[in-house]
Amino acid sequence: MVITLIKYLGILVIGGIIGYKDKLSPKLEGKLNTIQSACLLFLLFVMGITIGLNDEVISNIFSIGLKAGLISVFTVGFSILFVYLVRKFVLMGEKEIES
């Protein structure tokens, strides 16, 4: 497990260095968006196969979906609430200082 993580981090670092040093050809650089989209779609496809093969996930799909939905709703709701509170109290304090 640790070796796999080190491989992934190594690949990420190598990609970062190549990008930082600008070592890509302009032709390949222009196609990076397409390559990235294709890799993402392939990853999602493989994840779908893995989920479909797992009987435990399939049998609990409603429960997992309900939990994921609740987490999403609460995350969005509290994000909106905290942004509202920060804007109201923090930015209101800055307006008073400027006056």
PDB file of N, CA and C in Angstrom:
ATOM      1  N   MET A   1       0.826  -1.203   0.000  1.00  0.00           N
ATOM      2  CA  MET A   1       0.000   0.000   0.000  1.00  0.00           C
ATOM      3  C   MET A   1       0.870   1.266   0.000  1.00  0.00           C
ATOM      4  N   VAL A   2       1.889   1.265   0.857  1.00  0.00           N
ATOM      5  CA  VAL A   2       2.772   2.427   0.947  1.00  0.00           C
ATOM      6  C   VAL A   2       3.574   2.590  -0.340  1.00  0.00           C
ATOM      7  N   ILE A   3       3.996   1.481  -0.910  1.00  0.00           N
ATOM      8  CA  ILE A   3       4.768   1.542  -2.156  1.00  0.00           C
ATOM      9  C   ILE A   3       3.912   2.126  -3.279  1.00  0.00           C
ATOM     10  N   THR A   4       2.643   1.746  -3.337  1.00  0.00           N
ATOM     11  CA  THR A   4       1.735   2.281  -4.350  1.00  0.00           C
ATOM     12  C   THR A   4       1.564   3.783  -4.166  1.00  0.00           C
ATOM     13  N   LEU A   5       1.411   4.231  -2.927  1.00  0.00           N
ATOM     14  CA  LEU A   5       1.275   5.659  -2.658  1.00  0.00           C
ATOM     15  C   LEU A   5       2.533   6.412  -3.070  1.00  0.00           C
ATOM     16  N   ILE A   6       3.698   5.847  -2.784  1.00  0.00           N
ATOM     17  CA  ILE A   6       4.961   6.484  -3.178  1.00  0.00           C
ATOM     18  C   ILE A   6       5.065   6.568  -4.695  1.00  0.00           C
ATOM     19  N   LYS A   7       4.619   5.512  -5.406  1.00  0.00           N
ATOM     20  CA  LYS A   7       4.621   5.557  -6.879  1.00  0.00           C
ATOM     21  C   LYS A   7       3.745   6.702  -7.385  1.00  0.00           C
ATOM     22  N   TYR A   8       2.532   6.824  -6.827  1.00  0.00           N
ATOM     23  CA  TYR A   8       1.612   7.877  -7.262  1.00  0.00           C
ATOM     24  C   TYR A   8       2.185   9.256  -6.980  1.00  0.00           C
ATOM     25  N   LEU A   9       2.746   9.437  -5.805  1.00  0.00           N
ATOM     26  CA  LEU A   9       3.341  10.732  -5.475  1.00  0.00           C
ATOM     27  C   LEU A   9       4.542  11.026  -6.360  1.00  0.00           C
ATOM     28  N   GLY A  10       5.326   9.996  -6.677  1.00  0.00           N
ATOM     29  CA  GLY A  10       6.464  10.174  -7.567  1.00  0.00           C
ATOM     30  C   GLY A  10       6.029  10.617  -8.957  1.00  0.00           C
ATOM     31  N   ILE A  11       4.993   9.979  -9.469  1.00  0.00           N
ATOM     32  CA  ILE A  11       4.464  10.361 -10.784  1.00  0.00           C
ATOM     33  C   ILE A  11       3.953  11.795 -10.758  1.00  0.00           C
ATOM     34  N   LEU A  12       3.285  12.171  -9.669  1.00  0.00           N
ATOM     35  CA  LEU A  12       2.778  13.534  -9.526  1.00  0.00           C
ATOM     36  C   LEU A  12       3.924  14.543  -9.496  1.00  0.00           C
ATOM     37  N   VAL A  13       4.974  14.237  -8.745  1.00  0.00           N
ATOM     38  CA  VAL A  13       6.127  15.133  -8.658  1.00  0.00           C
ATOM     39  C   VAL A  13       6.817  15.256 -10.011  1.00  0.00           C
ATOM     40  N   ILE A  14       6.995  14.143 -10.714  1.00  0.00           N
ATOM     41  CA  ILE A  14       7.626  14.182 -12.041  1.00  0.00           C
ATOM     42  C   ILE A  14       6.792  15.046 -12.995  1.00  0.00           C
ATOM     43  N   GLY A  15       5.477  14.867 -12.964  1.00  0.00           N
ATOM     44  CA  GLY A  15       4.611  15.693 -13.810  1.00  0.00           C
ATOM     45  C   GLY A  15       4.698  17.165 -13.449  1.00  0.00           C
ATOM     46  N   GLY A  16       4.772  17.450 -12.142  1.00  0.00           N
ATOM     47  CA  GLY A  16       4.912  18.841 -11.713  1.00  0.00           C
ATOM     48  C   GLY A  16       6.211  19.463 -12.176  1.00  0.00           C
ATOM     49  N   ILE A  17       7.292  18.691 -12.106  1.00  0.00           N
ATOM     50  CA  ILE A  17       8.597  19.194 -12.559  1.00  0.00           C
ATOM     51  C   ILE A  17       8.585  19.444 -14.059  1.00  0.00           C
ATOM     52  N   ILE A  18       8.017  18.505 -14.817  1.00  0.00           N
ATOM     53  CA  ILE A  18       7.945  18.676 -16.277  1.00  0.00           C
ATOM     54  C   ILE A  18       7.120  19.912 -16.623  1.00  0.00           C
ATOM     55  N   GLY A  19       6.007  20.098 -15.925  1.00  0.00           N
ATOM     56  CA  GLY A  19       5.185  21.277 -16.182  1.00  0.00           C
ATOM     57  C   GLY A  19       5.875  22.570 -15.781  1.00  0.00           C
ATOM     58  N   TYR A  20       6.552  22.540 -14.641  1.00  0.00           N
ATOM     59  CA  TYR A  20       7.242  23.735 -14.153  1.00  0.00           C
ATOM     60  C   TYR A  20       8.402  24.123 -15.062  1.00  0.00           C
ATOM     61  N   LYS A  21       9.140  23.147 -15.542  1.00  0.00           N
ATOM     62  CA  LYS A  21      10.298  23.409 -16.407  1.00  0.00           C
ATOM     63  C   LYS A  21       9.883  23.669 -17.852  1.00  0.00           C
ATOM     64  N   ASP A  22       8.583  23.509 -18.153  1.00  0.00           N
ATOM     65  CA  ASP A  22       8.042  23.746 -19.498  1.00  0.00           C
ATOM     66  C   ASP A  22       8.751  22.880 -20.530  1.00  0.00           C
ATOM     67  N   LYS A  23       8.813  21.579 -20.262  1.00  0.00           N
ATOM     68  CA  LYS A  23       9.534  20.633 -21.124  1.00  0.00           C
ATOM     69  C   LYS A  23       8.619  19.935 -22.138  1.00  0.00           C
ATOM     70  N   LEU A  24       7.354  20.303 -22.204  1.00  0.00           N
ATOM     71  CA  LEU A  24       6.432  19.674 -23.154  1.00  0.00           C
ATOM     72  C   LEU A  24       6.454  20.408 -24.486  1.00  0.00           C
ATOM     73  N   SER A  25       6.274  19.644 -25.542  1.00  0.00           N
ATOM     74  CA  SER A  25       6.183  20.270 -26.856  1.00  0.00           C
ATOM     75  C   SER A  25       4.845  21.004 -26.959  1.00  0.00           C
ATOM     76  N   PRO A  26       4.791  22.065 -27.727  1.00  0.00           N
ATOM     77  CA  PRO A  26       3.531  22.808 -27.874  1.00  0.00           C
ATOM     78  C   PRO A  26       2.398  21.942 -28.426  1.00  0.00           C
ATOM     79  N   LYS A  27       2.745  20.981 -29.278  1.00  0.00           N
ATOM     80  CA  LYS A  27       1.720  20.095 -29.842  1.00  0.00           C
ATOM     81  C   LYS A  27       1.084  19.243 -28.742  1.00  0.00           C
ATOM     82  N   LEU A  28       1.914  18.650 -27.875  1.00  0.00           N
ATOM     83  CA  LEU A  28       1.404  17.839 -26.775  1.00  0.00           C
ATOM     84  C   LEU A  28       0.694  18.709 -25.744  1.00  0.00           C
ATOM     85  N   GLU A  29       1.208  19.899 -25.519  1.00  0.00           N
ATOM     86  CA  GLU A  29       0.591  20.811 -24.558  1.00  0.00           C
ATOM     87  C   GLU A  29      -0.825  21.193 -24.991  1.00  0.00           C
ATOM     88  N   GLY A  30      -1.030  21.324 -26.298  1.00  0.00           N
ATOM     89  CA  GLY A  30      -2.360  21.647 -26.811  1.00  0.00           C
ATOM     90  C   GLY A  30      -3.348  20.503 -26.651  1.00  0.00           C
ATOM     91  N   LYS A  31      -2.839  19.275 -26.539  1.00  0.00           N
ATOM     92  CA  LYS A  31      -3.714  18.106 -26.423  1.00  0.00           C
ATOM     93  C   LYS A  31      -3.887  17.635 -24.972  1.00  0.00           C
ATOM     94  N   LEU A  32      -3.297  18.333 -24.014  1.00  0.00           N
ATOM     95  CA  LEU A  32      -3.367  17.900 -22.623  1.00  0.00           C
ATOM     96  C   LEU A  32      -4.803  17.829 -22.102  1.00  0.00           C
ATOM     97  N   ASN A  33      -5.626  18.780 -22.490  1.00  0.00           N
ATOM     98  CA  ASN A  33      -7.015  18.781 -22.034  1.00  0.00           C
ATOM     99  C   ASN A  33      -7.752  17.535 -22.511  1.00  0.00           C
ATOM    100  N   THR A  34      -7.546  17.161 -23.764  1.00  0.00           N
ATOM    101  CA  THR A  34      -8.174  15.965 -24.314  1.00  0.00           C
ATOM    102  C   THR A  34      -7.649  14.701 -23.639  1.00  0.00           C
ATOM    103  N   ILE A  35      -6.342  14.649 -23.416  1.00  0.00           N
ATOM    104  CA  ILE A  35      -5.737  13.488 -22.750  1.00  0.00           C
ATOM    105  C   ILE A  35      -6.265  13.367 -21.325  1.00  0.00           C
ATOM    106  N   GLN A  36      -6.351  14.484 -20.630  1.00  0.00           N
ATOM    107  CA  GLN A  36      -6.850  14.478 -19.253  1.00  0.00           C
ATOM    108  C   GLN A  36      -8.306  14.023 -19.209  1.00  0.00           C
ATOM    109  N   SER A  37      -9.123  14.491 -20.128  1.00  0.00           N
ATOM    110  CA  SER A  37     -10.531  14.074 -20.163  1.00  0.00           C
ATOM    111  C   SER A  37     -10.665  12.586 -20.457  1.00  0.00           C
ATOM    112  N   ALA A  38      -9.865  12.087 -21.391  1.00  0.00           N
ATOM    113  CA  ALA A  38      -9.913  10.664 -21.732  1.00  0.00           C
ATOM    114  C   ALA A  38      -9.496   9.808 -20.538  1.00  0.00           C
ATOM    115  N   CYS A  39      -8.452  10.225 -19.840  1.00  0.00           N
ATOM    116  CA  CYS A  39      -8.002   9.467 -18.660  1.00  0.00           C
ATOM    117  C   CYS A  39      -9.049   9.498 -17.556  1.00  0.00           C
ATOM    118  N   LEU A  40      -9.692  10.638 -17.363  1.00  0.00           N
ATOM    119  CA  LEU A  40     -10.742  10.738 -16.349  1.00  0.00           C
ATOM    120  C   LEU A  40     -11.918   9.829 -16.693  1.00  0.00           C
ATOM    121  N   LEU A  41     -12.322   9.815 -17.952  1.00  0.00           N
ATOM    122  CA  LEU A  41     -13.425   8.950 -18.372  1.00  0.00           C
ATOM    123  C   LEU A  41     -13.060   7.472 -18.198  1.00  0.00           C
ATOM    124  N   PHE A  42     -11.827   7.112 -18.509  1.00  0.00           N
ATOM    125  CA  PHE A  42     -11.371   5.741 -18.322  1.00  0.00           C
ATOM    126  C   PHE A  42     -11.382   5.372 -16.838  1.00  0.00           C
ATOM    127  N   LEU A  43     -10.923   6.287 -15.987  1.00  0.00           N
ATOM    128  CA  LEU A  43     -10.935   6.049 -14.539  1.00  0.00           C
ATOM    129  C   LEU A  43     -12.357   5.839 -14.031  1.00  0.00           C
ATOM    130  N   LEU A  44     -13.291   6.665 -14.468  1.00  0.00           N
ATOM    131  CA  LEU A  44     -14.685   6.505 -14.061  1.00  0.00           C
ATOM    132  C   LEU A  44     -15.262   5.188 -14.552  1.00  0.00           C
ATOM    133  N   PHE A  45     -14.884   4.778 -15.761  1.00  0.00           N
ATOM    134  CA  PHE A  45     -15.337   3.514 -16.313  1.00  0.00           C
ATOM    135  C   PHE A  45     -14.848   2.343 -15.459  1.00  0.00           C
ATOM    136  N   VAL A  46     -13.569   2.357 -15.115  1.00  0.00           N
ATOM    137  CA  VAL A  46     -12.998   1.286 -14.289  1.00  0.00           C
ATOM    138  C   VAL A  46     -13.622   1.286 -12.896  1.00  0.00           C
ATOM    139  N   MET A  47     -13.856   2.474 -12.328  1.00  0.00           N
ATOM    140  CA  MET A  47     -14.514   2.544 -11.026  1.00  0.00           C
ATOM    141  C   MET A  47     -15.931   1.974 -11.103  1.00  0.00           C
ATOM    142  N   GLY A  48     -16.641   2.247 -12.183  1.00  0.00           N
ATOM    143  CA  GLY A  48     -17.983   1.692 -12.364  1.00  0.00           C
ATOM    144  C   GLY A  48     -17.962   0.173 -12.430  1.00  0.00           C
ATOM    145  N   ILE A  49     -16.992  -0.378 -13.134  1.00  0.00           N
ATOM    146  CA  ILE A  49     -16.848  -1.839 -13.202  1.00  0.00           C
ATOM    147  C   ILE A  49     -16.579  -2.407 -11.814  1.00  0.00           C
ATOM    148  N   THR A  50     -15.658  -1.760 -11.076  1.00  0.00           N
ATOM    149  CA  THR A  50     -15.318  -2.225  -9.733  1.00  0.00           C
ATOM    150  C   THR A  50     -16.532  -2.184  -8.811  1.00  0.00           C
ATOM    151  N   ILE A  51     -17.309  -1.120  -8.878  1.00  0.00           N
ATOM    152  CA  ILE A  51     -18.517  -1.015  -8.049  1.00  0.00           C
ATOM    153  C   ILE A  51     -19.533  -2.066  -8.477  1.00  0.00           C
ATOM    154  N   GLY A  52     -19.691  -2.260  -9.780  1.00  0.00           N
ATOM    155  CA  GLY A  52     -20.654  -3.244 -10.277  1.00  0.00           C
ATOM    156  C   GLY A  52     -20.311  -4.673  -9.888  1.00  0.00           C
ATOM    157  N   LEU A  53     -19.037  -4.974  -9.746  1.00  0.00           N
ATOM    158  CA  LEU A  53     -18.613  -6.321  -9.366  1.00  0.00           C
ATOM    159  C   LEU A  53     -18.731  -6.575  -7.861  1.00  0.00           C
ATOM    160  N   ASN A  54     -18.844  -5.534  -7.072  1.00  0.00           N
ATOM    161  CA  ASN A  54     -18.897  -5.669  -5.621  1.00  0.00           C
ATOM    162  C   ASN A  54     -20.351  -5.861  -5.180  1.00  0.00           C
ATOM    163  N   ASP A  55     -20.700  -7.087  -4.792  1.00  0.00           N
ATOM    164  CA  ASP A  55     -22.078  -7.399  -4.404  1.00  0.00           C
ATOM    165  C   ASP A  55     -22.520  -6.628  -3.159  1.00  0.00           C
ATOM    166  N   GLU A  56     -21.588  -6.364  -2.252  1.00  0.00           N
ATOM    167  CA  GLU A  56     -21.930  -5.641  -1.028  1.00  0.00           C
ATOM    168  C   GLU A  56     -22.349  -4.205  -1.339  1.00  0.00           C
ATOM    169  N   VAL A  57     -21.641  -3.574  -2.260  1.00  0.00           N
ATOM    170  CA  VAL A  57     -21.987  -2.198  -2.646  1.00  0.00           C
ATOM    171  C   VAL A  57     -23.333  -2.178  -3.350  1.00  0.00           C
ATOM    172  N   ILE A  58     -23.548  -3.121  -4.254  1.00  0.00           N
ATOM    173  CA  ILE A  58     -24.807  -3.171  -4.999  1.00  0.00           C
ATOM    174  C   ILE A  58     -25.988  -3.410  -4.060  1.00  0.00           C
ATOM    175  N   SER A  59     -25.816  -4.285  -3.072  1.00  0.00           N
ATOM    176  CA  SER A  59     -26.922  -4.563  -2.148  1.00  0.00           C
ATOM    177  C   SER A  59     -27.214  -3.381  -1.226  1.00  0.00           C
ATOM    178  N   ASN A  60     -26.247  -2.509  -1.002  1.00  0.00           N
ATOM    179  CA  ASN A  60     -26.435  -1.358  -0.114  1.00  0.00           C
ATOM    180  C   ASN A  60     -26.468  -0.035  -0.876  1.00  0.00           C
ATOM    181  N   ILE A  61     -26.740  -0.081  -2.167  1.00  0.00           N
ATOM    182  CA  ILE A  61     -26.653   1.121  -2.997  1.00  0.00           C
ATOM    183  C   ILE A  61     -27.617   2.211  -2.535  1.00  0.00           C
ATOM    184  N   PHE A  62     -28.820   1.849  -2.081  1.00  0.00           N
ATOM    185  CA  PHE A  62     -29.781   2.856  -1.618  1.00  0.00           C
ATOM    186  C   PHE A  62     -29.274   3.526  -0.347  1.00  0.00           C
ATOM    187  N   SER A  63     -28.777   2.741   0.579  1.00  0.00           N
ATOM    188  CA  SER A  63     -28.256   3.283   1.837  1.00  0.00           C
ATOM    189  C   SER A  63     -27.055   4.188   1.585  1.00  0.00           C
ATOM    190  N   ILE A  64     -26.150   3.753   0.728  1.00  0.00           N
ATOM    191  CA  ILE A  64     -24.969   4.551   0.402  1.00  0.00           C
ATOM    192  C   ILE A  64     -25.385   5.847  -0.289  1.00  0.00           C
ATOM    193  N   GLY A  65     -26.324   5.760  -1.226  1.00  0.00           N
ATOM    194  CA  GLY A  65     -26.802   6.949  -1.930  1.00  0.00           C
ATOM    195  C   GLY A  65     -27.488   7.937  -1.008  1.00  0.00           C
ATOM    196  N   LEU A  66     -28.273   7.414  -0.060  1.00  0.00           N
ATOM    197  CA  LEU A  66     -28.957   8.283   0.895  1.00  0.00           C
ATOM    198  C   LEU A  66     -27.941   9.015   1.773  1.00  0.00           C
ATOM    199  N   LYS A  67     -26.945   8.294   2.262  1.00  0.00           N
ATOM    200  CA  LYS A  67     -25.914   8.925   3.089  1.00  0.00           C
ATOM    201  C   LYS A  67     -25.139   9.966   2.289  1.00  0.00           C
ATOM    202  N   ALA A  68     -24.780   9.634   1.063  1.00  0.00           N
ATOM    203  CA  ALA A  68     -24.040  10.582   0.217  1.00  0.00           C
ATOM    204  C   ALA A  68     -24.885  11.823  -0.051  1.00  0.00           C
ATOM    205  N   GLY A  69     -26.173  11.639  -0.288  1.00  0.00           N
ATOM    206  CA  GLY A  69     -27.066  12.776  -0.514  1.00  0.00           C
ATOM    207  C   GLY A  69     -27.166  13.670   0.707  1.00  0.00           C
ATOM    208  N   LEU A  70     -27.298  13.068   1.886  1.00  0.00           N
ATOM    209  CA  LEU A  70     -27.375  13.857   3.118  1.00  0.00           C
ATOM    210  C   LEU A  70     -26.082  14.629   3.373  1.00  0.00           C
ATOM    211  N   ILE A  71     -24.958  13.974   3.159  1.00  0.00           N
ATOM    212  CA  ILE A  71     -23.673  14.656   3.339  1.00  0.00           C
ATOM    213  C   ILE A  71     -23.575  15.839   2.381  1.00  0.00           C
ATOM    214  N   SER A  72     -23.995  15.650   1.138  1.00  0.00           N
ATOM    215  CA  SER A  72     -23.933  16.728   0.148  1.00  0.00           C
ATOM    216  C   SER A  72     -24.828  17.897   0.537  1.00  0.00           C
ATOM    217  N   VAL A  73     -26.055  17.585   0.958  1.00  0.00           N
ATOM    218  CA  VAL A  73     -26.995  18.647   1.331  1.00  0.00           C
ATOM    219  C   VAL A  73     -26.465  19.439   2.525  1.00  0.00           C
ATOM    220  N   PHE A  74     -25.969  18.741   3.550  1.00  0.00           N
ATOM    221  CA  PHE A  74     -25.443  19.439   4.714  1.00  0.00           C
ATOM    222  C   PHE A  74     -24.184  20.236   4.373  1.00  0.00           C
ATOM    223  N   THR A  75     -23.328  19.710   3.517  1.00  0.00           N
ATOM    224  CA  THR A  75     -22.116  20.425   3.118  1.00  0.00           C
ATOM    225  C   THR A  75     -22.469  21.722   2.406  1.00  0.00           C
ATOM    226  N   VAL A  76     -23.374  21.646   1.453  1.00  0.00           N
ATOM    227  CA  VAL A  76     -23.772  22.846   0.717  1.00  0.00           C
ATOM    228  C   VAL A  76     -24.481  23.827   1.647  1.00  0.00           C
ATOM    229  N   GLY A  77     -25.393  23.316   2.476  1.00  0.00           N
ATOM    230  CA  GLY A  77     -26.144  24.178   3.386  1.00  0.00           C
ATOM    231  C   GLY A  77     -25.249  24.924   4.361  1.00  0.00           C
ATOM    232  N   PHE A  78     -24.341  24.215   5.012  1.00  0.00           N
ATOM    233  CA  PHE A  78     -23.454  24.872   5.965  1.00  0.00           C
ATOM    234  C   PHE A  78     -22.441  25.781   5.275  1.00  0.00           C
ATOM    235  N   SER A  79     -22.027  25.457   4.069  1.00  0.00           N
ATOM    236  CA  SER A  79     -21.143  26.343   3.316  1.00  0.00           C
ATOM    237  C   SER A  79     -21.829  27.675   3.044  1.00  0.00           C
ATOM    238  N   ILE A  80     -23.057  27.619   2.607  1.00  0.00           N
ATOM    239  CA  ILE A  80     -23.822  28.838   2.353  1.00  0.00           C
ATOM    240  C   ILE A  80     -24.012  29.625   3.641  1.00  0.00           C
ATOM    241  N   LEU A  81     -24.352  28.933   4.729  1.00  0.00           N
ATOM    242  CA  LEU A  81     -24.549  29.594   6.021  1.00  0.00           C
ATOM    243  C   LEU A  81     -23.281  30.292   6.490  1.00  0.00           C
ATOM    244  N   PHE A  82     -22.146  29.613   6.426  1.00  0.00           N
ATOM    245  CA  PHE A  82     -20.905  30.213   6.899  1.00  0.00           C
ATOM    246  C   PHE A  82     -20.461  31.374   6.024  1.00  0.00           C
ATOM    247  N   VAL A  83     -20.648  31.281   4.728  1.00  0.00           N
ATOM    248  CA  VAL A  83     -20.310  32.411   3.849  1.00  0.00           C
ATOM    249  C   VAL A  83     -21.183  33.604   4.181  1.00  0.00           C
ATOM    250  N   TYR A  84     -22.464  33.362   4.417  1.00  0.00           N
ATOM    251  CA  TYR A  84     -23.384  34.441   4.798  1.00  0.00           C
ATOM    252  C   TYR A  84     -22.944  35.101   6.105  1.00  0.00           C
ATOM    253  N   LEU A  85     -22.601  34.269   7.108  1.00  0.00           N
ATOM    254  CA  LEU A  85     -22.186  34.811   8.401  1.00  0.00           C
ATOM    255  C   LEU A  85     -20.879  35.590   8.301  1.00  0.00           C
ATOM    256  N   VAL A  86     -19.923  35.064   7.540  1.00  0.00           N
ATOM    257  CA  VAL A  86     -18.651  35.764   7.375  1.00  0.00           C
ATOM    258  C   VAL A  86     -18.869  37.091   6.665  1.00  0.00           C
ATOM    259  N   ARG A  87     -19.675  37.091   5.628  1.00  0.00           N
ATOM    260  CA  ARG A  87     -19.932  38.340   4.908  1.00  0.00           C
ATOM    261  C   ARG A  87     -20.646  39.341   5.797  1.00  0.00           C
ATOM    262  N   LYS A  88     -21.569  38.856   6.605  1.00  0.00           N
ATOM    263  CA  LYS A  88     -22.351  39.759   7.440  1.00  0.00           C
ATOM    264  C   LYS A  88     -21.508  40.363   8.560  1.00  0.00           C
ATOM    265  N   PHE A  89     -20.749  39.534   9.267  1.00  0.00           N
ATOM    266  CA  PHE A  89     -20.040  40.011  10.445  1.00  0.00           C
ATOM    267  C   PHE A  89     -18.623  40.509  10.144  1.00  0.00           C
ATOM    268  N   VAL A  90     -17.890  39.825   9.320  1.00  0.00           N
ATOM    269  CA  VAL A  90     -16.516  40.226   9.045  1.00  0.00           C
ATOM    270  C   VAL A  90     -16.486  41.419   8.101  1.00  0.00           C
ATOM    271  N   LEU A  91     -17.192  41.337   7.014  1.00  0.00           N
ATOM    272  CA  LEU A  91     -17.185  42.437   6.057  1.00  0.00           C
ATOM    273  C   LEU A  91     -17.905  43.660   6.599  1.00  0.00           C
ATOM    274  N   MET A  92     -18.910  43.452   7.463  1.00  0.00           N
ATOM    275  CA  MET A  92     -19.595  44.573   8.081  1.00  0.00           C
ATOM    276  C   MET A  92     -18.626  45.327   8.991  1.00  0.00           C
ATOM    277  N   GLY A  93     -17.768  44.589   9.687  1.00  0.00           N
ATOM    278  CA  GLY A  93     -16.766  45.209  10.537  1.00  0.00           C
ATOM    279  C   GLY A  93     -15.781  46.033   9.733  1.00  0.00           C
ATOM    280  N   GLU A  94     -15.413  45.571   8.540  1.00  0.00           N
ATOM    281  CA  GLU A  94     -14.491  46.313   7.681  1.00  0.00           C
ATOM    282  C   GLU A  94     -15.134  47.595   7.171  1.00  0.00           C
ATOM    283  N   LYS A  95     -16.427  47.574   6.889  1.00  0.00           N
ATOM    284  CA  LYS A  95     -17.110  48.783   6.415  1.00  0.00           C
ATOM    285  C   LYS A  95     -17.137  49.842   7.487  1.00  0.00           C
ATOM    286  N   GLU A  96     -17.314  49.433   8.746  1.00  0.00           N
ATOM    287  CA  GLU A  96     -17.318  50.390   9.833  1.00  0.00           C
ATOM    288  C   GLU A  96     -15.953  51.048  10.003  1.00  0.00           C
ATOM    289  N   ILE A  97     -14.885  50.284   9.797  1.00  0.00           N
ATOM    290  CA  ILE A  97     -13.537  50.817   9.924  1.00  0.00           C
ATOM    291  C   ILE A  97     -13.249  51.822   8.827  1.00  0.00           C
ATOM    292  N   GLU A  98     -13.725  51.538   7.602  1.00  0.00           N
ATOM    293  CA  GLU A  98     -13.484  52.428   6.474  1.00  0.00           C
ATOM    294  C   GLU A  98     -14.237  53.747   6.616  1.00  0.00           C
ATOM    295  N   SER A  99     -15.371  53.769   7.317  1.00  0.00           N
ATOM    296  CA  SER A  99     -16.201  54.964   7.423  1.00  0.00           C
ATOM    297  C   SER A  99     -15.580  56.048   8.240  1.00  0.00           C
TER     298      SER A  99
END
